[in-house]
Amino acid sequence: MKVLFICSLGMSSSITVNAMKDEAEKQGIDIEVNSVGSTQAIDELAKGYDVAMVAPQIRHRFKELEQAASAANVPIELIEPMAYSPIGSKKLLKQVLDLYEKNK
């Protein structure tokens, strides 16, 4: 599964993303994750992802990102605030998997 994480600058999500990747590995789930800032997201979405997740701190840009994701045929969702932390990795992984399954 190929996942795009979109945050403010593409760096703040790295700890969260790494924790989620570790959790996926523990569960035997093959996942590739790329993190980008919101300014690069529209171009990146066009490269083809199974799902895209948007960090809570840029929820104000969600509608714009949602339009770009729709044009690229990539399901997109706002990350639940409680999942956007290293200790929320199980919750975040579940959110990613649920979005993926819903849009297969």
PDB file of N, CA and C in Angstrom:
ATOM      1  N   MET A   1       0.840  -1.166   0.000  1.00  0.00           N
ATOM      2  CA  MET A   1       0.000   0.000   0.000  1.00  0.00           C
ATOM      3  C   MET A   1       0.891   1.236   0.000  1.00  0.00           C
ATOM      4  N   LYS A   2       0.535   2.195  -0.824  1.00  0.00           N
ATOM      5  CA  LYS A   2       1.308   3.426  -0.954  1.00  0.00           C
ATOM      6  C   LYS A   2       0.489   4.582  -0.362  1.00  0.00           C
ATOM      7  N   VAL A   3       1.059   5.233   0.666  1.00  0.00           N
ATOM      8  CA  VAL A   3       0.345   6.264   1.428  1.00  0.00           C
ATOM      9  C   VAL A   3       1.092   7.587   1.345  1.00  0.00           C
ATOM     10  N   LEU A   4       0.346   8.665   1.132  1.00  0.00           N
ATOM     11  CA  LEU A   4       0.916  10.006   1.149  1.00  0.00           C
ATOM     12  C   LEU A   4       0.422  10.739   2.388  1.00  0.00           C
ATOM     13  N   PHE A   5       1.370  11.241   3.185  1.00  0.00           N
ATOM     14  CA  PHE A   5       1.041  12.077   4.335  1.00  0.00           C
ATOM     15  C   PHE A   5       1.339  13.518   3.973  1.00  0.00           C
ATOM     16  N   ILE A   6       0.375  14.379   4.237  1.00  0.00           N
ATOM     17  CA  ILE A   6       0.521  15.790   3.919  1.00  0.00           C
ATOM     18  C   ILE A   6       0.458  16.585   5.212  1.00  0.00           C
ATOM     19  N   CYS A   7       1.519  17.338   5.479  1.00  0.00           N
ATOM     20  CA  CYS A   7       1.541  18.188   6.665  1.00  0.00           C
ATOM     21  C   CYS A   7       2.012  19.575   6.248  1.00  0.00           C
ATOM     22  N   SER A   8       2.314  20.398   7.189  1.00  0.00           N
ATOM     23  CA  SER A   8       2.665  21.775   6.888  1.00  0.00           C
ATOM     24  C   SER A   8       3.921  21.880   6.028  1.00  0.00           C
ATOM     25  N   LEU A   9       5.003  21.258   6.467  1.00  0.00           N
ATOM     26  CA  LEU A   9       6.259  21.338   5.726  1.00  0.00           C
ATOM     27  C   LEU A   9       6.797  19.976   5.290  1.00  0.00           C
ATOM     28  N   GLY A  10       6.102  18.908   5.639  1.00  0.00           N
ATOM     29  CA  GLY A  10       6.573  17.575   5.280  1.00  0.00           C
ATOM     30  C   GLY A  10       7.530  16.972   6.277  1.00  0.00           C
ATOM     31  N   MET A  11       7.785  17.686   7.372  1.00  0.00           N
ATOM     32  CA  MET A  11       8.740  17.174   8.363  1.00  0.00           C
ATOM     33  C   MET A  11       8.071  16.814   9.689  1.00  0.00           C
ATOM     34  N   SER A  12       7.058  17.543  10.081  1.00  0.00           N
ATOM     35  CA  SER A  12       6.463  17.307  11.402  1.00  0.00           C
ATOM     36  C   SER A  12       5.834  15.933  11.522  1.00  0.00           C
ATOM     37  N   SER A  13       5.479  15.343  10.408  1.00  0.00           N
ATOM     38  CA  SER A  13       4.842  14.033  10.455  1.00  0.00           C
ATOM     39  C   SER A  13       5.841  12.888  10.531  1.00  0.00           C
ATOM     40  N   SER A  14       7.134  13.162  10.410  1.00  0.00           N
ATOM     41  CA  SER A  14       8.108  12.072  10.304  1.00  0.00           C
ATOM     42  C   SER A  14       8.095  11.140  11.513  1.00  0.00           C
ATOM     43  N   ILE A  15       8.001  11.674  12.710  1.00  0.00           N
ATOM     44  CA  ILE A  15       7.969  10.823  13.909  1.00  0.00           C
ATOM     45  C   ILE A  15       6.700   9.982  13.920  1.00  0.00           C
ATOM     46  N   THR A  16       5.590  10.616  13.592  1.00  0.00           N
ATOM     47  CA  THR A  16       4.308   9.910  13.553  1.00  0.00           C
ATOM     48  C   THR A  16       4.316   8.836  12.469  1.00  0.00           C
ATOM     49  N   VAL A  17       4.815   9.188  11.308  1.00  0.00           N
ATOM     50  CA  VAL A  17       4.882   8.242  10.193  1.00  0.00           C
ATOM     51  C   VAL A  17       5.772   7.055  10.545  1.00  0.00           C
ATOM     52  N   ASN A  18       6.925   7.308  11.131  1.00  0.00           N
ATOM     53  CA  ASN A  18       7.820   6.218  11.506  1.00  0.00           C
ATOM     54  C   ASN A  18       7.180   5.291  12.527  1.00  0.00           C
ATOM     55  N   ALA A  19       6.463   5.861  13.488  1.00  0.00           N
ATOM     56  CA  ALA A  19       5.770   5.032  14.486  1.00  0.00           C
ATOM     57  C   ALA A  19       4.696   4.176  13.815  1.00  0.00           C
ATOM     58  N   MET A  20       3.976   4.749  12.847  1.00  0.00           N
ATOM     59  CA  MET A  20       2.945   3.989  12.152  1.00  0.00           C
ATOM     60  C   MET A  20       3.575   2.888  11.290  1.00  0.00           C
ATOM     61  N   LYS A  21       4.694   3.182  10.631  1.00  0.00           N
ATOM     62  CA  LYS A  21       5.380   2.164   9.833  1.00  0.00           C
ATOM     63  C   LYS A  21       5.868   1.021  10.718  1.00  0.00           C
ATOM     64  N   ASP A  22       6.373   1.338  11.903  1.00  0.00           N
ATOM     65  CA  ASP A  22       6.785   0.299  12.848  1.00  0.00           C
ATOM     66  C   ASP A  22       5.606  -0.570  13.243  1.00  0.00           C
ATOM     67  N   GLU A  23       4.467   0.061  13.492  1.00  0.00           N
ATOM     68  CA  GLU A  23       3.254  -0.677  13.858  1.00  0.00           C
ATOM     69  C   GLU A  23       2.809  -1.580  12.705  1.00  0.00           C
ATOM     70  N   ALA A  24       2.865  -1.074  11.488  1.00  0.00           N
ATOM     71  CA  ALA A  24       2.488  -1.878  10.318  1.00  0.00           C
ATOM     72  C   ALA A  24       3.402  -3.088  10.184  1.00  0.00           C
ATOM     73  N   GLU A  25       4.694  -2.872  10.408  1.00  0.00           N
ATOM     74  CA  GLU A  25       5.643  -3.972  10.335  1.00  0.00           C
ATOM     75  C   GLU A  25       5.324  -5.040  11.379  1.00  0.00           C
ATOM     76  N   LYS A  26       5.002  -4.601  12.595  1.00  0.00           N
ATOM     77  CA  LYS A  26       4.626  -5.549  13.660  1.00  0.00           C
ATOM     78  C   LYS A  26       3.425  -6.388  13.251  1.00  0.00           C
ATOM     79  N   GLN A  27       2.509  -5.772  12.490  1.00  0.00           N
ATOM     80  CA  GLN A  27       1.290  -6.465  12.081  1.00  0.00           C
ATOM     81  C   GLN A  27       1.444  -7.174  10.733  1.00  0.00           C
ATOM     82  N   GLY A  28       2.647  -7.118  10.166  1.00  0.00           N
ATOM     83  CA  GLY A  28       2.896  -7.799   8.902  1.00  0.00           C
ATOM     84  C   GLY A  28       2.265  -7.114   7.695  1.00  0.00           C
ATOM     85  N   ILE A  29       2.089  -5.802   7.772  1.00  0.00           N
ATOM     86  CA  ILE A  29       1.469  -5.044   6.694  1.00  0.00           C
ATOM     87  C   ILE A  29       2.563  -4.320   5.906  1.00  0.00           C
ATOM     88  N   ASP A  30       2.567  -4.547   4.597  1.00  0.00           N
ATOM     89  CA  ASP A  30       3.547  -3.900   3.719  1.00  0.00           C
ATOM     90  C   ASP A  30       3.017  -2.515   3.355  1.00  0.00           C
ATOM     91  N   ILE A  31       3.758  -1.485   3.748  1.00  0.00           N
ATOM     92  CA  ILE A  31       3.297  -0.118   3.534  1.00  0.00           C
ATOM     93  C   ILE A  31       4.472   0.766   3.137  1.00  0.00           C
ATOM     94  N   GLU A  32       4.237   1.605   2.144  1.00  0.00           N
ATOM     95  CA  GLU A  32       5.220   2.599   1.707  1.00  0.00           C
ATOM     96  C   GLU A  32       4.611   3.961   1.998  1.00  0.00           C
ATOM     97  N   VAL A  33       5.365   4.818   2.663  1.00  0.00           N
ATOM     98  CA  VAL A  33       4.827   6.113   3.071  1.00  0.00           C
ATOM     99  C   VAL A  33       5.748   7.237   2.616  1.00  0.00           C
ATOM    100  N   ASN A  34       5.134   8.266   2.071  1.00  0.00           N
ATOM    101  CA  ASN A  34       5.866   9.464   1.684  1.00  0.00           C
ATOM    102  C   ASN A  34       5.205  10.646   2.387  1.00  0.00           C
ATOM    103  N   SER A  35       6.011  11.559   2.914  1.00  0.00           N
ATOM    104  CA  SER A  35       5.497  12.764   3.576  1.00  0.00           C
ATOM    105  C   SER A  35       5.927  13.985   2.793  1.00  0.00           C
ATOM    106  N   VAL A  36       4.981  14.879   2.553  1.00  0.00           N
ATOM    107  CA  VAL A  36       5.289  16.122   1.849  1.00  0.00           C
ATOM    108  C   VAL A  36       4.579  17.281   2.532  1.00  0.00           C
ATOM    109  N   GLY A  37       5.083  18.462   2.262  1.00  0.00           N
ATOM    110  CA  GLY A  37       4.415  19.668   2.716  1.00  0.00           C
ATOM    111  C   GLY A  37       3.213  19.960   1.835  1.00  0.00           C
ATOM    112  N   SER A  38       2.321  20.769   2.343  1.00  0.00           N
ATOM    113  CA  SER A  38       1.086  21.043   1.608  1.00  0.00           C
ATOM    114  C   SER A  38       1.335  21.725   0.270  1.00  0.00           C
ATOM    115  N   THR A  39       2.436  22.454   0.140  1.00  0.00           N
ATOM    116  CA  THR A  39       2.710  23.122  -1.136  1.00  0.00           C
ATOM    117  C   THR A  39       3.142  22.146  -2.223  1.00  0.00           C
ATOM    118  N   GLN A  40       3.692  20.994  -1.842  1.00  0.00           N
ATOM    119  CA  GLN A  40       4.086  19.985  -2.821  1.00  0.00           C
ATOM    120  C   GLN A  40       3.001  18.926  -3.056  1.00  0.00           C
ATOM    121  N   ALA A  41       1.982  18.945  -2.241  1.00  0.00           N
ATOM    122  CA  ALA A  41       0.999  17.856  -2.227  1.00  0.00           C
ATOM    123  C   ALA A  41       0.259  17.679  -3.542  1.00  0.00           C
ATOM    124  N   ILE A  42      -0.141  18.768  -4.170  1.00  0.00           N
ATOM    125  CA  ILE A  42      -0.942  18.645  -5.393  1.00  0.00           C
ATOM    126  C   ILE A  42      -0.152  17.929  -6.485  1.00  0.00           C
ATOM    127  N   ASP A  43       1.101  18.293  -6.678  1.00  0.00           N
ATOM    128  CA  ASP A  43       1.937  17.601  -7.667  1.00  0.00           C
ATOM    129  C   ASP A  43       2.186  16.153  -7.255  1.00  0.00           C
ATOM    130  N   GLU A  44       2.407  15.930  -5.981  1.00  0.00           N
ATOM    131  CA  GLU A  44       2.718  14.585  -5.482  1.00  0.00           C
ATOM    132  C   GLU A  44       1.527  13.643  -5.636  1.00  0.00           C
ATOM    133  N   LEU A  45       0.313  14.146  -5.404  1.00  0.00           N
ATOM    134  CA  LEU A  45      -0.892  13.315  -5.530  1.00  0.00           C
ATOM    135  C   LEU A  45      -1.014  12.711  -6.926  1.00  0.00           C
ATOM    136  N   ALA A  46      -0.575  13.436  -7.917  1.00  0.00           N
ATOM    137  CA  ALA A  46      -0.673  12.972  -9.303  1.00  0.00           C
ATOM    138  C   ALA A  46       0.252  11.788  -9.590  1.00  0.00           C
ATOM    139  N   LYS A  47       1.182  11.495  -8.678  1.00  0.00           N
ATOM    140  CA  LYS A  47       2.122  10.388  -8.881  1.00  0.00           C
ATOM    141  C   LYS A  47       1.526   9.032  -8.542  1.00  0.00           C
ATOM    142  N   GLY A  48       0.321   9.027  -7.967  1.00  0.00           N
ATOM    143  CA  GLY A  48      -0.367   7.774  -7.711  1.00  0.00           C
ATOM    144  C   GLY A  48      -0.148   7.208  -6.324  1.00  0.00           C
ATOM    145  N   TYR A  49      -1.161   7.305  -5.496  1.00  0.00           N
ATOM    146  CA  TYR A  49      -1.147   6.775  -4.132  1.00  0.00           C
ATOM    147  C   TYR A  49      -2.443   6.017  -3.885  1.00  0.00           C
ATOM    148  N   ASP A  50      -2.374   5.064  -2.965  1.00  0.00           N
ATOM    149  CA  ASP A  50      -3.590   4.336  -2.584  1.00  0.00           C
ATOM    150  C   ASP A  50      -4.476   5.186  -1.684  1.00  0.00           C
ATOM    151  N   VAL A  51      -3.860   5.956  -0.791  1.00  0.00           N
ATOM    152  CA  VAL A  51      -4.597   6.885   0.074  1.00  0.00           C
ATOM    153  C   VAL A  51      -3.702   8.069   0.412  1.00  0.00           C
ATOM    154  N   ALA A  52      -4.336   9.167   0.794  1.00  0.00           N
ATOM    155  CA  ALA A  52      -3.615  10.349   1.278  1.00  0.00           C
ATOM    156  C   ALA A  52      -4.227  10.761   2.608  1.00  0.00           C
ATOM    157  N   MET A  53      -3.363  11.164   3.532  1.00  0.00           N
ATOM    158  CA  MET A  53      -3.793  11.570   4.860  1.00  0.00           C
ATOM    159  C   MET A  53      -3.290  12.990   5.121  1.00  0.00           C
ATOM    160  N   VAL A  54      -4.161  13.821   5.694  1.00  0.00           N
ATOM    161  CA  VAL A  54      -3.840  15.226   5.929  1.00  0.00           C
ATOM    162  C   VAL A  54      -3.711  15.479   7.435  1.00  0.00           C
ATOM    163  N   ALA A  55      -2.595  16.094   7.822  1.00  0.00           N
ATOM    164  CA  ALA A  55      -2.328  16.389   9.232  1.00  0.00           C
ATOM    165  C   ALA A  55      -3.346  17.393   9.791  1.00  0.00           C
ATOM    166  N   PRO A  56      -3.691  17.237  11.052  1.00  0.00           N
ATOM    167  CA  PRO A  56      -4.696  18.122  11.657  1.00  0.00           C
ATOM    168  C   PRO A  56      -4.347  19.609  11.603  1.00  0.00           C
ATOM    169  N   GLN A  57      -3.060  19.948  11.665  1.00  0.00           N
ATOM    170  CA  GLN A  57      -2.687  21.359  11.717  1.00  0.00           C
ATOM    171  C   GLN A  57      -2.916  22.101  10.398  1.00  0.00           C
ATOM    172  N   ILE A  58      -3.206  21.363   9.316  1.00  0.00           N
ATOM    173  CA  ILE A  58      -3.508  22.048   8.053  1.00  0.00           C
ATOM    174  C   ILE A  58      -4.933  21.729   7.576  1.00  0.00           C
ATOM    175  N   ARG A  59      -5.806  21.475   8.512  1.00  0.00           N
ATOM    176  CA  ARG A  59      -7.194  21.168   8.159  1.00  0.00           C
ATOM    177  C   ARG A  59      -7.823  22.290   7.330  1.00  0.00           C
ATOM    178  N   HIS A  60      -7.325  23.516   7.502  1.00  0.00           N
ATOM    179  CA  HIS A  60      -7.854  24.656   6.745  1.00  0.00           C
ATOM    180  C   HIS A  60      -7.595  24.530   5.238  1.00  0.00           C
ATOM    181  N   ARG A  61      -6.697  23.661   4.834  1.00  0.00           N
ATOM    182  CA  ARG A  61      -6.407  23.443   3.406  1.00  0.00           C
ATOM    183  C   ARG A  61      -7.054  22.162   2.874  1.00  0.00           C
ATOM    184  N   PHE A  62      -7.844  21.502   3.707  1.00  0.00           N
ATOM    185  CA  PHE A  62      -8.374  20.192   3.338  1.00  0.00           C
ATOM    186  C   PHE A  62      -9.217  20.231   2.062  1.00  0.00           C
ATOM    187  N   LYS A  63     -10.100  21.189   1.920  1.00  0.00           N
ATOM    188  CA  LYS A  63     -10.976  21.237   0.734  1.00  0.00           C
ATOM    189  C   LYS A  63     -10.154  21.328  -0.558  1.00  0.00           C
ATOM    190  N   GLU A  64      -9.137  22.166  -0.549  1.00  0.00           N
ATOM    191  CA  GLU A  64      -8.261  22.306  -1.713  1.00  0.00           C
ATOM    192  C   GLU A  64      -7.540  20.993  -2.010  1.00  0.00           C
ATOM    193  N   LEU A  65      -7.016  20.360  -0.974  1.00  0.00           N
ATOM    194  CA  LEU A  65      -6.315  19.087  -1.133  1.00  0.00           C
ATOM    195  C   LEU A  65      -7.270  17.980  -1.561  1.00  0.00           C
ATOM    196  N   GLU A  66      -8.486  18.034  -1.046  1.00  0.00           N
ATOM    197  CA  GLU A  66      -9.499  17.046  -1.401  1.00  0.00           C
ATOM    198  C   GLU A  66      -9.830  17.131  -2.898  1.00  0.00           C
ATOM    199  N   GLN A  67      -9.905  18.331  -3.430  1.00  0.00           N
ATOM    200  CA  GLN A  67     -10.177  18.507  -4.861  1.00  0.00           C
ATOM    201  C   GLN A  67      -9.034  17.921  -5.699  1.00  0.00           C
ATOM    202  N   ALA A  68      -7.801  18.197  -5.299  1.00  0.00           N
ATOM    203  CA  ALA A  68      -6.642  17.663  -6.019  1.00  0.00           C
ATOM    204  C   ALA A  68      -6.605  16.139  -5.929  1.00  0.00           C
ATOM    205  N   ALA A  69      -6.906  15.603  -4.761  1.00  0.00           N
ATOM    206  CA  ALA A  69      -6.914  14.148  -4.583  1.00  0.00           C
ATOM    207  C   ALA A  69      -8.006  13.509  -5.431  1.00  0.00           C
ATOM    208  N   SER A  70      -9.159  14.142  -5.470  1.00  0.00           N
ATOM    209  CA  SER A  70     -10.254  13.625  -6.285  1.00  0.00           C
ATOM    210  C   SER A  70      -9.863  13.591  -7.756  1.00  0.00           C
ATOM    211  N   ALA A  71      -9.213  14.653  -8.236  1.00  0.00           N
ATOM    212  CA  ALA A  71      -8.765  14.706  -9.625  1.00  0.00           C
ATOM    213  C   ALA A  71      -7.741  13.613  -9.919  1.00  0.00           C
ATOM    214  N   ALA A  72      -6.952  13.241  -8.911  1.00  0.00           N
ATOM    215  CA  ALA A  72      -5.939  12.194  -9.065  1.00  0.00           C
ATOM    216  C   ALA A  72      -6.474  10.809  -8.701  1.00  0.00           C
ATOM    217  N   ASN A  73      -7.763  10.744  -8.337  1.00  0.00           N
ATOM    218  CA  ASN A  73      -8.403   9.492  -7.935  1.00  0.00           C
ATOM    219  C   ASN A  73      -7.724   8.845  -6.731  1.00  0.00           C
ATOM    220  N   VAL A  74      -7.390   9.690  -5.742  1.00  0.00           N
ATOM    221  CA  VAL A  74      -6.749   9.223  -4.505  1.00  0.00           C
ATOM    222  C   VAL A  74      -7.685   9.538  -3.334  1.00  0.00           C
ATOM    223  N   PRO A  75      -8.144   8.516  -2.610  1.00  0.00           N
ATOM    224  CA  PRO A  75      -8.962   8.784  -1.423  1.00  0.00           C
ATOM    225  C   PRO A  75      -8.150   9.585  -0.399  1.00  0.00           C
ATOM    226  N   ILE A  76      -8.788  10.547   0.232  1.00  0.00           N
ATOM    227  CA  ILE A  76      -8.090  11.428   1.172  1.00  0.00           C
ATOM    228  C   ILE A  76      -8.930  11.606   2.420  1.00  0.00           C
ATOM    229  N   GLU A  77      -8.249  11.784   3.539  1.00  0.00           N
ATOM    230  CA  GLU A  77      -8.950  11.953   4.815  1.00  0.00           C
ATOM    231  C   GLU A  77      -8.094  12.782   5.755  1.00  0.00           C
ATOM    232  N   LEU A  78      -8.756  13.525   6.606  1.00  0.00           N
ATOM    233  CA  LEU A  78      -8.086  14.290   7.654  1.00  0.00           C
ATOM    234  C   LEU A  78      -7.724  13.339   8.794  1.00  0.00           C
ATOM    235  N   ILE A  79      -6.486  13.381   9.250  1.00  0.00           N
ATOM    236  CA  ILE A  79      -6.041  12.511  10.338  1.00  0.00           C
ATOM    237  C   ILE A  79      -6.719  12.936  11.638  1.00  0.00           C
ATOM    238  N   GLU A  80      -7.227  11.969  12.352  1.00  0.00           N
ATOM    239  CA  GLU A  80      -7.827  12.247  13.651  1.00  0.00           C
ATOM    240  C   GLU A  80      -6.738  12.790  14.579  1.00  0.00           C
ATOM    241  N   PRO A  81      -7.010  13.888  15.297  1.00  0.00           N
ATOM    242  CA  PRO A  81      -5.972  14.499  16.146  1.00  0.00           C
ATOM    243  C   PRO A  81      -5.321  13.526  17.128  1.00  0.00           C
ATOM    244  N   MET A  82      -6.083  12.621  17.723  1.00  0.00           N
ATOM    245  CA  MET A  82      -5.518  11.678  18.694  1.00  0.00           C
ATOM    246  C   MET A  82      -4.604  10.645  18.023  1.00  0.00           C
ATOM    247  N   ALA A  83      -4.719  10.498  16.719  1.00  0.00           N
ATOM    248  CA  ALA A  83      -3.875   9.544  15.998  1.00  0.00           C
ATOM    249  C   ALA A  83      -2.581  10.185  15.515  1.00  0.00           C
ATOM    250  N   TYR A  84      -2.510  11.501  15.565  1.00  0.00           N
ATOM    251  CA  TYR A  84      -1.352  12.209  15.017  1.00  0.00           C
ATOM    252  C   TYR A  84      -0.273  12.404  16.073  1.00  0.00           C
ATOM    253  N   SER A  85       0.259  11.298  16.532  1.00  0.00           N
ATOM    254  CA  SER A  85       1.353  11.303  17.500  1.00  0.00           C
ATOM    255  C   SER A  85       1.962   9.903  17.504  1.00  0.00           C
ATOM    256  N   PRO A  86       3.173   9.782  18.005  1.00  0.00           N
ATOM    257  CA  PRO A  86       3.783   8.447  18.053  1.00  0.00           C
ATOM    258  C   PRO A  86       2.958   7.442  18.860  1.00  0.00           C
ATOM    259  N   ILE A  87       2.304   7.893  19.909  1.00  0.00           N
ATOM    260  CA  ILE A  87       1.509   6.951  20.713  1.00  0.00           C
ATOM    261  C   ILE A  87       0.167   6.635  20.058  1.00  0.00           C
ATOM    262  N   GLY A  88      -0.177   7.350  19.001  1.00  0.00           N
ATOM    263  CA  GLY A  88      -1.418   7.083  18.278  1.00  0.00           C
ATOM    264  C   GLY A  88      -1.213   6.222  17.049  1.00  0.00           C
ATOM    265  N   SER A  89      -0.059   5.574  16.955  1.00  0.00           N
ATOM    266  CA  SER A  89       0.284   4.839  15.728  1.00  0.00           C
ATOM    267  C   SER A  89      -0.709   3.737  15.373  1.00  0.00           C
ATOM    268  N   LYS A  90      -1.235   3.023  16.349  1.00  0.00           N
ATOM    269  CA  LYS A  90      -2.220   1.973  16.063  1.00  0.00           C
ATOM    270  C   LYS A  90      -3.494   2.583  15.502  1.00  0.00           C
ATOM    271  N   LYS A  91      -3.919   3.672  16.105  1.00  0.00           N
ATOM    272  CA  LYS A  91      -5.129   4.355  15.654  1.00  0.00           C
ATOM    273  C   LYS A  91      -4.934   4.916  14.246  1.00  0.00           C
ATOM    274  N   LEU A  92      -3.769   5.487  13.985  1.00  0.00           N
ATOM    275  CA  LEU A  92      -3.479   6.047  12.672  1.00  0.00           C
ATOM    276  C   LEU A  92      -3.426   4.947  11.608  1.00  0.00           C
ATOM    277  N   LEU A  93      -2.776   3.857  11.917  1.00  0.00           N
ATOM    278  CA  LEU A  93      -2.714   2.740  10.980  1.00  0.00           C
ATOM    279  C   LEU A  93      -4.122   2.225  10.679  1.00  0.00           C
ATOM    280  N   LYS A  94      -4.941   2.115  11.691  1.00  0.00           N
ATOM    281  CA  LYS A  94      -6.325   1.678  11.484  1.00  0.00           C
ATOM    282  C   LYS A  94      -7.074   2.657  10.587  1.00  0.00           C
ATOM    283  N   GLN A  95      -6.882   3.944  10.793  1.00  0.00           N
ATOM    284  CA  GLN A  95      -7.548   4.938   9.971  1.00  0.00           C
ATOM    285  C   GLN A  95      -7.105   4.801   8.503  1.00  0.00           C
ATOM    286  N   VAL A  96      -5.815   4.615   8.280  1.00  0.00           N
ATOM    287  CA  VAL A  96      -5.283   4.434   6.924  1.00  0.00           C
ATOM    288  C   VAL A  96      -5.880   3.177   6.289  1.00  0.00           C
ATOM    289  N   LEU A  97      -5.856   2.076   7.016  1.00  0.00           N
ATOM    290  CA  LEU A  97      -6.377   0.812   6.488  1.00  0.00           C
ATOM    291  C   LEU A  97      -7.870   0.886   6.203  1.00  0.00           C
ATOM    292  N   ASP A  98      -8.613   1.539   7.091  1.00  0.00           N
ATOM    293  CA  ASP A  98     -10.054   1.686   6.878  1.00  0.00           C
ATOM    294  C   ASP A  98     -10.346   2.493   5.617  1.00  0.00           C
ATOM    295  N   LEU A  99      -9.615   3.579   5.400  1.00  0.00           N
ATOM    296  CA  LEU A  99      -9.806   4.393   4.200  1.00  0.00           C
ATOM    297  C   LEU A  99      -9.453   3.590   2.953  1.00  0.00           C
ATOM    298  N   TYR A 100      -8.383   2.845   3.026  1.00  0.00           N
ATOM    299  CA  TYR A 100      -7.959   2.009   1.906  1.00  0.00           C
ATOM    300  C   TYR A 100      -9.027   0.972   1.569  1.00  0.00           C
ATOM    301  N   GLU A 101      -9.494   0.253   2.577  1.00  0.00           N
ATOM    302  CA  GLU A 101     -10.503  -0.799   2.363  1.00  0.00           C
ATOM    303  C   GLU A 101     -11.804  -0.231   1.818  1.00  0.00           C
ATOM    304  N   LYS A 102     -12.176   0.928   2.317  1.00  0.00           N
ATOM    305  CA  LYS A 102     -13.430   1.570   1.891  1.00  0.00           C
ATOM    306  C   LYS A 102     -13.383   1.975   0.418  1.00  0.00           C
ATOM    307  N   ASN A 103     -12.198   2.185  -0.110  1.00  0.00           N
ATOM    308  CA  ASN A 103     -12.060   2.711  -1.470  1.00  0.00           C
ATOM    309  C   ASN A 103     -11.377   1.752  -2.444  1.00  0.00           C
ATOM    310  N   LYS A 104     -11.288   0.490  -2.080  1.00  0.00           N
ATOM    311  CA  LYS A 104     -10.672  -0.513  -2.969  1.00  0.00           C
ATOM    312  C   LYS A 104     -11.495  -0.736  -4.199  1.00  0.00           C
TER     313      LYS A 104
END
